[in-house]
């Protein structure tokens, strides 16, 4: 079984790669906003006015940067949770990745320039992340040398020449 640190690191790497893949696909295809941008815009839309004003008072013109840092910290924490959950129970971490993908997909669908076509980069990134995490944290298979030898055909010299 992988150590906690390794599982957390794998969770961060896999989730980061899944998000990066979705962002790259969204940018190259021009199908709509990337998942991070869509989540940020949806968060702004759902935030009460007094909280928006407070953020602008605190951060001034850097309020978008603060929002980006906040989203990155939350995604980092959820990526660590995904890795640790996958270490504990197989496919549980993949469920966390799928949950992140669902949030990003809903956020993308709610954007004015989003839509069904804009969701496919998020779906691809989510599927890749959800399949990669269990694969990278799976315990190595136990090898059975006798079975491996039984399955292997030994060619004699006559069969080799044919």
N, C-alpha and C. Protein backbone atom coordinates (compact mmCIF):
# COMPACT_ATOMS: atom_id res chain seq x y z
N UNK A 1 0.85 -1.17 0.00
CA UNK A 1 0.00 0.00 0.00
C UNK A 1 0.89 1.24 0.00
N UNK A 2 0.49 2.23 -0.76
CA UNK A 2 1.27 3.46 -0.88
C UNK A 2 1.21 4.26 0.42
N UNK A 3 2.25 5.02 0.69
CA UNK A 3 2.25 5.86 1.88
C UNK A 3 1.26 7.01 1.69
N UNK A 4 0.92 7.66 2.78
CA UNK A 4 -0.02 8.78 2.70
C UNK A 4 0.54 9.92 1.85
N UNK A 5 1.82 10.20 2.04
CA UNK A 5 2.43 11.28 1.27
C UNK A 5 2.41 10.98 -0.22
N UNK A 6 2.72 9.75 -0.57
CA UNK A 6 2.72 9.36 -1.97
C UNK A 6 1.31 9.44 -2.55
N UNK A 7 0.33 8.95 -1.80
CA UNK A 7 -1.06 8.99 -2.26
C UNK A 7 -1.52 10.43 -2.45
N UNK A 8 -1.18 11.31 -1.51
CA UNK A 8 -1.55 12.72 -1.63
C UNK A 8 -0.88 13.35 -2.85
N UNK A 9 0.39 13.04 -3.05
CA UNK A 9 1.11 13.57 -4.21
C UNK A 9 0.51 13.08 -5.52
N UNK A 10 0.19 11.80 -5.58
CA UNK A 10 -0.43 11.26 -6.79
C UNK A 10 -1.79 11.92 -7.02
N UNK A 11 -2.56 12.14 -5.96
CA UNK A 11 -3.84 12.83 -6.10
C UNK A 11 -3.67 14.23 -6.67
N UNK A 12 -2.67 14.96 -6.19
CA UNK A 12 -2.42 16.31 -6.69
C UNK A 12 -1.98 16.28 -8.15
N UNK A 13 -1.08 15.36 -8.48
CA UNK A 13 -0.58 15.29 -9.85
C UNK A 13 -1.68 14.88 -10.82
N UNK A 14 -2.44 13.86 -10.47
CA UNK A 14 -3.50 13.37 -11.37
C UNK A 14 -4.59 14.43 -11.54
N UNK A 15 -5.02 15.03 -10.45
CA UNK A 15 -6.06 16.05 -10.54
C UNK A 15 -5.56 17.26 -11.31
N UNK A 16 -4.32 17.66 -11.05
CA UNK A 16 -3.75 18.78 -11.80
C UNK A 16 -3.66 18.49 -13.29
N UNK A 17 -3.25 17.28 -13.63
CA UNK A 17 -3.18 16.90 -15.05
C UNK A 17 -4.56 16.85 -15.69
N UNK A 18 -5.55 16.36 -14.96
CA UNK A 18 -6.91 16.31 -15.49
C UNK A 18 -7.45 17.72 -15.75
N UNK A 19 -7.20 18.63 -14.80
CA UNK A 19 -7.64 20.02 -14.98
C UNK A 19 -6.88 20.66 -16.13
N UNK A 20 -5.57 20.43 -16.19
CA UNK A 20 -4.77 21.00 -17.28
C UNK A 20 -5.23 20.48 -18.64
N UNK A 21 -5.54 19.20 -18.72
CA UNK A 21 -6.03 18.63 -19.97
C UNK A 21 -7.34 19.29 -20.39
N UNK A 22 -8.25 19.45 -19.45
CA UNK A 22 -9.53 20.10 -19.77
C UNK A 22 -9.32 21.55 -20.19
N UNK A 23 -8.42 22.26 -19.52
CA UNK A 23 -8.13 23.65 -19.89
C UNK A 23 -7.54 23.73 -21.30
N UNK A 24 -6.58 22.86 -21.59
CA UNK A 24 -5.94 22.88 -22.90
C UNK A 24 -6.94 22.55 -24.00
N UNK A 25 -7.76 21.54 -23.78
CA UNK A 25 -8.78 21.18 -24.79
C UNK A 25 -9.76 22.32 -24.99
N UNK A 26 -10.17 22.98 -23.91
CA UNK A 26 -11.12 24.09 -24.04
C UNK A 26 -10.50 25.26 -24.80
N UNK A 27 -9.23 25.53 -24.57
CA UNK A 27 -8.56 26.65 -25.25
C UNK A 27 -8.32 26.34 -26.73
N UNK A 28 -7.85 25.13 -27.02
CA UNK A 28 -7.54 24.79 -28.41
C UNK A 28 -8.78 24.67 -29.27
N UNK A 29 -9.85 24.16 -28.71
CA UNK A 29 -11.07 23.98 -29.50
C UNK A 29 -11.93 25.23 -29.52
N UNK A 30 -11.71 26.13 -28.57
CA UNK A 30 -12.53 27.34 -28.51
C UNK A 30 -13.98 27.04 -28.21
N UNK A 31 -14.23 25.93 -27.53
CA UNK A 31 -15.60 25.49 -27.29
C UNK A 31 -16.28 26.24 -26.15
N UNK A 32 -15.56 27.07 -25.44
CA UNK A 32 -16.15 27.83 -24.34
C UNK A 32 -15.12 28.07 -23.27
N UNK A 33 -15.57 28.50 -22.11
CA UNK A 33 -14.62 28.78 -21.03
C UNK A 33 -13.98 27.50 -20.51
N UNK A 34 -12.77 27.62 -20.02
CA UNK A 34 -12.13 26.49 -19.38
C UNK A 34 -12.80 26.22 -18.05
N UNK A 35 -12.57 25.05 -17.47
CA UNK A 35 -13.26 24.70 -16.23
C UNK A 35 -12.92 25.62 -15.06
N UNK A 36 -11.69 26.06 -14.95
CA UNK A 36 -11.32 26.94 -13.83
C UNK A 36 -12.01 28.29 -13.98
N UNK A 37 -11.99 28.83 -15.18
CA UNK A 37 -12.66 30.10 -15.43
C UNK A 37 -14.17 29.99 -15.20
N UNK A 38 -14.77 28.89 -15.64
CA UNK A 38 -16.20 28.70 -15.45
C UNK A 38 -16.56 28.59 -13.97
N UNK A 39 -15.75 27.87 -13.20
CA UNK A 39 -16.01 27.75 -11.76
C UNK A 39 -15.85 29.10 -11.08
N UNK A 40 -14.83 29.86 -11.47
CA UNK A 40 -14.61 31.18 -10.88
C UNK A 40 -15.79 32.11 -11.17
N UNK A 41 -16.25 32.12 -12.42
CA UNK A 41 -17.38 32.97 -12.78
C UNK A 41 -18.66 32.53 -12.08
N UNK A 42 -18.87 31.23 -11.97
CA UNK A 42 -20.06 30.75 -11.25
C UNK A 42 -19.99 31.11 -9.78
N UNK A 43 -18.79 31.03 -9.19
CA UNK A 43 -18.62 31.41 -7.79
C UNK A 43 -18.94 32.89 -7.60
N UNK A 44 -18.49 33.73 -8.52
CA UNK A 44 -18.78 35.16 -8.44
C UNK A 44 -20.28 35.39 -8.54
N UNK A 45 -20.95 34.68 -9.45
CA UNK A 45 -22.40 34.84 -9.61
C UNK A 45 -23.17 34.43 -8.36
N UNK A 46 -22.68 33.42 -7.65
CA UNK A 46 -23.39 32.90 -6.48
C UNK A 46 -23.01 33.62 -5.18
N UNK A 47 -21.98 34.45 -5.23
CA UNK A 47 -21.51 35.13 -4.02
C UNK A 47 -22.43 36.31 -3.71
N UNK A 48 -22.82 36.47 -2.44
CA UNK A 48 -23.64 37.62 -2.06
C UNK A 48 -22.90 38.94 -2.32
N UNK A 49 -23.66 39.99 -2.57
CA UNK A 49 -23.08 41.29 -2.89
C UNK A 49 -22.17 41.84 -1.81
N UNK A 50 -22.56 41.66 -0.54
CA UNK A 50 -21.74 42.19 0.55
C UNK A 50 -20.36 41.52 0.59
N UNK A 51 -20.32 40.22 0.22
CA UNK A 51 -19.04 39.52 0.23
C UNK A 51 -18.16 39.97 -0.94
N UNK A 52 -18.78 40.25 -2.09
CA UNK A 52 -18.03 40.79 -3.22
C UNK A 52 -17.42 42.14 -2.86
N UNK A 53 -18.25 42.99 -2.22
CA UNK A 53 -17.75 44.31 -1.82
C UNK A 53 -16.62 44.19 -0.81
N UNK A 54 -16.75 43.26 0.12
CA UNK A 54 -15.70 43.04 1.11
C UNK A 54 -14.40 42.59 0.44
N UNK A 55 -14.50 41.69 -0.53
CA UNK A 55 -13.31 41.22 -1.25
C UNK A 55 -12.65 42.36 -2.01
N UNK A 56 -13.46 43.22 -2.62
CA UNK A 56 -12.90 44.36 -3.35
C UNK A 56 -12.24 45.33 -2.38
N UNK A 57 -12.86 45.54 -1.20
CA UNK A 57 -12.25 46.42 -0.19
C UNK A 57 -10.92 45.86 0.30
N UNK A 58 -10.87 44.56 0.53
CA UNK A 58 -9.65 43.94 1.06
C UNK A 58 -8.54 43.86 0.01
N UNK A 59 -8.90 43.41 -1.18
CA UNK A 59 -7.88 43.11 -2.19
C UNK A 59 -7.76 44.17 -3.28
N UNK A 60 -8.69 45.10 -3.33
CA UNK A 60 -8.63 46.15 -4.35
C UNK A 60 -8.73 45.58 -5.75
N UNK A 61 -7.81 46.00 -6.59
CA UNK A 61 -7.84 45.53 -7.98
C UNK A 61 -7.32 44.10 -8.12
N UNK A 62 -6.81 43.54 -7.05
CA UNK A 62 -6.31 42.16 -7.08
C UNK A 62 -7.36 41.15 -6.63
N UNK A 63 -8.63 41.53 -6.67
CA UNK A 63 -9.66 40.61 -6.20
C UNK A 63 -9.76 39.35 -7.07
N UNK A 64 -9.52 39.48 -8.36
CA UNK A 64 -9.55 38.30 -9.25
C UNK A 64 -8.37 37.37 -8.95
N UNK A 65 -7.23 37.96 -8.63
CA UNK A 65 -6.06 37.14 -8.27
C UNK A 65 -6.35 36.38 -6.98
N UNK A 66 -6.95 37.06 -6.02
CA UNK A 66 -7.29 36.41 -4.75
C UNK A 66 -8.29 35.28 -4.98
N UNK A 67 -9.25 35.51 -5.87
CA UNK A 67 -10.21 34.46 -6.20
C UNK A 67 -9.50 33.26 -6.84
N UNK A 68 -8.58 33.53 -7.75
CA UNK A 68 -7.83 32.45 -8.39
C UNK A 68 -6.99 31.66 -7.40
N UNK A 69 -6.36 32.36 -6.47
CA UNK A 69 -5.57 31.68 -5.44
C UNK A 69 -6.48 30.85 -4.55
N UNK A 70 -7.63 31.40 -4.19
CA UNK A 70 -8.59 30.65 -3.36
C UNK A 70 -9.07 29.38 -4.05
N UNK A 71 -9.38 29.49 -5.33
CA UNK A 71 -9.83 28.32 -6.08
C UNK A 71 -8.70 27.29 -6.18
N UNK A 72 -7.47 27.75 -6.40
CA UNK A 72 -6.33 26.84 -6.48
C UNK A 72 -6.11 26.11 -5.16
N UNK A 73 -6.26 26.82 -4.04
CA UNK A 73 -6.07 26.20 -2.73
C UNK A 73 -7.15 25.14 -2.48
N UNK A 74 -8.39 25.46 -2.82
CA UNK A 74 -9.48 24.50 -2.64
C UNK A 74 -9.27 23.28 -3.53
N UNK A 75 -8.86 23.50 -4.78
CA UNK A 75 -8.61 22.36 -5.67
C UNK A 75 -7.44 21.52 -5.19
N UNK A 76 -6.41 22.16 -4.66
CA UNK A 76 -5.27 21.43 -4.11
C UNK A 76 -5.70 20.57 -2.93
N UNK A 77 -6.51 21.14 -2.05
CA UNK A 77 -6.99 20.38 -0.88
C UNK A 77 -7.85 19.20 -1.32
N UNK A 78 -8.73 19.42 -2.30
CA UNK A 78 -9.58 18.32 -2.78
C UNK A 78 -8.76 17.26 -3.52
N UNK A 79 -7.69 17.67 -4.18
CA UNK A 79 -6.81 16.71 -4.85
C UNK A 79 -6.10 15.83 -3.82
N UNK A 80 -5.67 16.43 -2.71
CA UNK A 80 -5.05 15.65 -1.64
C UNK A 80 -6.07 14.67 -1.06
N UNK A 81 -7.30 15.15 -0.86
CA UNK A 81 -8.37 14.28 -0.35
C UNK A 81 -8.61 13.13 -1.32
N UNK A 82 -8.60 13.42 -2.62
CA UNK A 82 -8.81 12.36 -3.62
C UNK A 82 -7.73 11.29 -3.52
N UNK A 83 -6.49 11.71 -3.40
CA UNK A 83 -5.40 10.74 -3.29
C UNK A 83 -5.50 9.90 -2.03
N UNK A 84 -5.80 10.55 -0.91
CA UNK A 84 -5.91 9.82 0.35
C UNK A 84 -7.12 8.90 0.36
N UNK A 85 -8.23 9.36 -0.25
CA UNK A 85 -9.43 8.52 -0.32
C UNK A 85 -9.18 7.31 -1.20
N UNK A 86 -8.44 7.49 -2.28
CA UNK A 86 -8.13 6.37 -3.17
C UNK A 86 -7.21 5.37 -2.48
N UNK A 87 -6.33 5.85 -1.63
CA UNK A 87 -5.45 4.97 -0.88
C UNK A 87 -6.26 4.11 0.08
N UNK A 88 -7.27 4.71 0.69
CA UNK A 88 -8.08 4.00 1.69
C UNK A 88 -9.00 2.97 1.04
N UNK A 89 -9.74 3.39 0.03
CA UNK A 89 -10.71 2.50 -0.63
C UNK A 89 -10.61 2.74 -2.14
N UNK A 90 -10.39 1.66 -2.87
CA UNK A 90 -10.25 1.77 -4.32
C UNK A 90 -11.51 2.40 -4.93
N UNK A 91 -11.33 3.31 -5.85
CA UNK A 91 -12.33 4.06 -6.60
C UNK A 91 -12.99 5.19 -5.80
N UNK A 92 -12.69 5.32 -4.52
CA UNK A 92 -13.27 6.43 -3.76
C UNK A 92 -12.64 7.75 -4.20
N UNK A 93 -11.34 7.75 -4.42
CA UNK A 93 -10.67 8.96 -4.90
C UNK A 93 -11.13 9.35 -6.29
N UNK A 94 -11.39 8.34 -7.12
CA UNK A 94 -11.93 8.62 -8.45
C UNK A 94 -13.29 9.30 -8.33
N UNK A 95 -14.04 8.93 -7.30
CA UNK A 95 -15.32 9.60 -7.05
C UNK A 95 -15.14 11.07 -6.73
N UNK A 96 -14.09 11.41 -6.00
CA UNK A 96 -13.80 12.82 -5.70
C UNK A 96 -13.46 13.56 -6.99
N UNK A 97 -12.67 12.93 -7.86
CA UNK A 97 -12.33 13.54 -9.14
C UNK A 97 -13.59 13.73 -9.99
N UNK A 98 -14.47 12.75 -9.98
CA UNK A 98 -15.72 12.86 -10.73
C UNK A 98 -16.59 13.97 -10.16
N UNK A 99 -16.62 14.10 -8.85
CA UNK A 99 -17.37 15.19 -8.21
C UNK A 99 -16.83 16.55 -8.64
N UNK A 100 -15.51 16.70 -8.66
CA UNK A 100 -14.91 17.94 -9.15
C UNK A 100 -15.30 18.19 -10.61
N UNK A 101 -15.28 17.14 -11.41
CA UNK A 101 -15.68 17.27 -12.81
C UNK A 101 -17.13 17.67 -12.97
N UNK A 102 -17.99 17.13 -12.13
CA UNK A 102 -19.41 17.51 -12.19
C UNK A 102 -19.61 18.98 -11.85
N UNK A 103 -18.90 19.45 -10.83
CA UNK A 103 -19.00 20.87 -10.47
C UNK A 103 -18.53 21.74 -11.64
N UNK A 104 -17.42 21.36 -12.25
CA UNK A 104 -16.91 22.13 -13.39
C UNK A 104 -17.85 22.05 -14.58
N UNK A 105 -18.46 20.89 -14.81
CA UNK A 105 -19.40 20.74 -15.93
C UNK A 105 -20.64 21.60 -15.73
N UNK A 106 -21.18 21.59 -14.52
CA UNK A 106 -22.36 22.42 -14.24
C UNK A 106 -22.00 23.89 -14.37
N UNK A 107 -20.83 24.28 -13.86
CA UNK A 107 -20.40 25.67 -13.99
C UNK A 107 -20.23 26.06 -15.45
N UNK A 108 -19.70 25.16 -16.26
CA UNK A 108 -19.52 25.43 -17.69
C UNK A 108 -20.86 25.56 -18.39
N UNK A 109 -21.82 24.72 -18.02
CA UNK A 109 -23.15 24.78 -18.64
C UNK A 109 -23.89 26.07 -18.31
N UNK A 110 -23.61 26.65 -17.15
CA UNK A 110 -24.33 27.86 -16.74
C UNK A 110 -23.74 29.13 -17.32
N UNK A 111 -22.61 29.07 -17.96
CA UNK A 111 -21.98 30.25 -18.56
C UNK A 111 -22.70 30.62 -19.84
N UNK A 112 -22.80 31.92 -20.14
CA UNK A 112 -23.45 32.34 -21.39
C UNK A 112 -22.76 31.79 -22.64
N UNK A 113 -21.44 31.72 -22.62
CA UNK A 113 -20.73 31.18 -23.78
C UNK A 113 -20.45 29.69 -23.64
N UNK A 114 -21.04 29.07 -22.63
CA UNK A 114 -20.89 27.63 -22.43
C UNK A 114 -22.00 26.90 -23.17
N UNK A 115 -22.19 25.68 -22.83
CA UNK A 115 -23.21 24.87 -23.47
C UNK A 115 -22.77 23.43 -23.49
N UNK A 116 -23.55 22.62 -24.16
CA UNK A 116 -23.25 21.19 -24.20
C UNK A 116 -21.91 20.94 -24.89
N UNK A 117 -21.61 21.69 -25.93
CA UNK A 117 -20.34 21.50 -26.64
C UNK A 117 -19.16 21.91 -25.76
N UNK A 118 -19.36 22.90 -24.91
CA UNK A 118 -18.27 23.39 -24.05
C UNK A 118 -17.96 22.43 -22.91
N UNK A 119 -18.84 21.46 -22.66
CA UNK A 119 -18.64 20.54 -21.54
C UNK A 119 -17.69 19.40 -21.90
N UNK A 120 -17.54 19.08 -23.16
CA UNK A 120 -16.76 17.88 -23.51
C UNK A 120 -15.31 17.95 -23.04
N UNK A 121 -14.61 19.11 -23.04
CA UNK A 121 -13.25 19.09 -22.48
C UNK A 121 -13.23 18.72 -21.00
N UNK A 122 -14.25 19.17 -20.27
CA UNK A 122 -14.35 18.83 -18.84
C UNK A 122 -14.58 17.32 -18.68
N UNK A 123 -15.43 16.76 -19.52
CA UNK A 123 -15.72 15.33 -19.44
C UNK A 123 -14.46 14.51 -19.75
N UNK A 124 -13.72 14.90 -20.77
CA UNK A 124 -12.50 14.17 -21.12
C UNK A 124 -11.49 14.24 -19.97
N UNK A 125 -11.27 15.44 -19.43
CA UNK A 125 -10.34 15.59 -18.32
C UNK A 125 -10.77 14.79 -17.10
N UNK A 126 -12.06 14.79 -16.82
CA UNK A 126 -12.58 14.05 -15.67
C UNK A 126 -12.40 12.55 -15.84
N UNK A 127 -12.72 12.04 -17.01
CA UNK A 127 -12.58 10.60 -17.26
C UNK A 127 -11.11 10.18 -17.16
N UNK A 128 -10.22 10.97 -17.74
CA UNK A 128 -8.79 10.63 -17.67
C UNK A 128 -8.33 10.63 -16.22
N UNK A 129 -8.71 11.65 -15.45
CA UNK A 129 -8.31 11.70 -14.05
C UNK A 129 -8.91 10.58 -13.22
N UNK A 130 -10.18 10.29 -13.46
CA UNK A 130 -10.86 9.24 -12.68
C UNK A 130 -10.30 7.85 -12.99
N UNK A 131 -9.80 7.64 -14.18
CA UNK A 131 -9.21 6.34 -14.51
C UNK A 131 -7.74 6.26 -14.12
N UNK A 132 -7.04 7.39 -14.15
CA UNK A 132 -5.61 7.38 -13.84
C UNK A 132 -5.35 7.21 -12.35
N UNK A 133 -6.17 7.82 -11.51
CA UNK A 133 -5.91 7.78 -10.07
C UNK A 133 -5.94 6.36 -9.51
N UNK A 134 -6.97 5.56 -9.77
CA UNK A 134 -6.93 4.18 -9.27
C UNK A 134 -5.80 3.36 -9.90
N UNK A 135 -5.50 3.63 -11.15
CA UNK A 135 -4.44 2.89 -11.81
C UNK A 135 -3.07 3.16 -11.21
N UNK A 136 -2.84 4.40 -10.81
CA UNK A 136 -1.53 4.74 -10.25
C UNK A 136 -1.37 4.34 -8.79
N UNK A 137 -2.48 4.22 -8.09
CA UNK A 137 -2.40 3.86 -6.67
C UNK A 137 -2.78 2.41 -6.40
N UNK A 138 -3.04 1.64 -7.46
CA UNK A 138 -3.40 0.23 -7.27
C UNK A 138 -2.19 -0.54 -6.75
N UNK A 139 -2.43 -1.46 -5.83
CA UNK A 139 -1.30 -2.27 -5.36
C UNK A 139 -0.81 -3.14 -6.51
N UNK A 140 0.48 -3.37 -6.56
CA UNK A 140 1.00 -4.21 -7.64
C UNK A 140 0.41 -5.61 -7.57
N UNK A 141 0.14 -6.18 -8.73
CA UNK A 141 -0.45 -7.52 -8.78
C UNK A 141 0.51 -8.57 -8.27
N UNK A 142 -0.06 -9.59 -7.73
CA UNK A 142 0.79 -10.68 -7.25
C UNK A 142 1.07 -11.61 -8.42
N UNK A 143 2.30 -11.88 -8.63
CA UNK A 143 2.70 -12.74 -9.75
C UNK A 143 2.69 -14.19 -9.30
N UNK A 144 2.16 -15.03 -10.14
CA UNK A 144 2.17 -16.47 -9.90
C UNK A 144 3.06 -17.10 -10.96
N UNK A 145 4.32 -17.42 -10.61
CA UNK A 145 5.25 -17.91 -11.62
C UNK A 145 4.82 -19.21 -12.27
N UNK A 146 4.17 -20.11 -11.53
CA UNK A 146 3.75 -21.38 -12.11
C UNK A 146 2.68 -21.17 -13.18
N UNK A 147 1.76 -20.28 -12.93
CA UNK A 147 0.71 -20.00 -13.91
C UNK A 147 1.30 -19.31 -15.14
N UNK A 148 2.24 -18.43 -14.92
CA UNK A 148 2.87 -17.75 -16.05
C UNK A 148 3.60 -18.74 -16.94
N UNK A 149 4.25 -19.70 -16.35
CA UNK A 149 4.96 -20.71 -17.14
C UNK A 149 3.98 -21.65 -17.84
N UNK A 150 2.85 -21.94 -17.22
CA UNK A 150 1.87 -22.83 -17.85
C UNK A 150 1.24 -22.16 -19.07
N UNK A 151 1.06 -20.85 -19.00
CA UNK A 151 0.45 -20.13 -20.12
C UNK A 151 1.42 -19.94 -21.28
N UNK A 152 2.69 -19.97 -21.00
CA UNK A 152 3.69 -19.73 -22.03
C UNK A 152 3.88 -21.01 -22.86
N UNK A 153 3.88 -20.86 -24.15
CA UNK A 153 4.16 -22.00 -25.02
C UNK A 153 5.66 -22.05 -25.28
N UNK A 154 6.21 -23.22 -25.11
CA UNK A 154 7.62 -23.40 -25.42
C UNK A 154 7.71 -23.99 -26.81
N UNK A 155 8.42 -23.31 -27.66
CA UNK A 155 8.56 -23.77 -29.04
C UNK A 155 9.76 -24.70 -29.14
N UNK A 156 9.52 -25.85 -29.77
CA UNK A 156 10.67 -26.70 -30.03
C UNK A 156 11.31 -26.25 -31.34
N UNK A 157 12.38 -26.89 -31.71
CA UNK A 157 13.12 -26.42 -32.88
C UNK A 157 12.33 -26.57 -34.17
N UNK A 158 11.48 -27.60 -34.26
CA UNK A 158 10.69 -27.79 -35.48
C UNK A 158 9.63 -26.70 -35.63
N UNK A 159 8.97 -26.36 -34.53
CA UNK A 159 7.94 -25.32 -34.59
C UNK A 159 8.56 -23.96 -34.87
N UNK A 160 9.76 -23.77 -34.38
CA UNK A 160 10.43 -22.51 -34.61
C UNK A 160 10.77 -22.31 -36.08
N UNK A 161 11.13 -23.40 -36.77
CA UNK A 161 11.47 -23.30 -38.18
C UNK A 161 10.25 -23.12 -39.07
N UNK A 162 9.11 -23.58 -38.63
CA UNK A 162 7.90 -23.46 -39.44
C UNK A 162 7.37 -22.09 -39.29
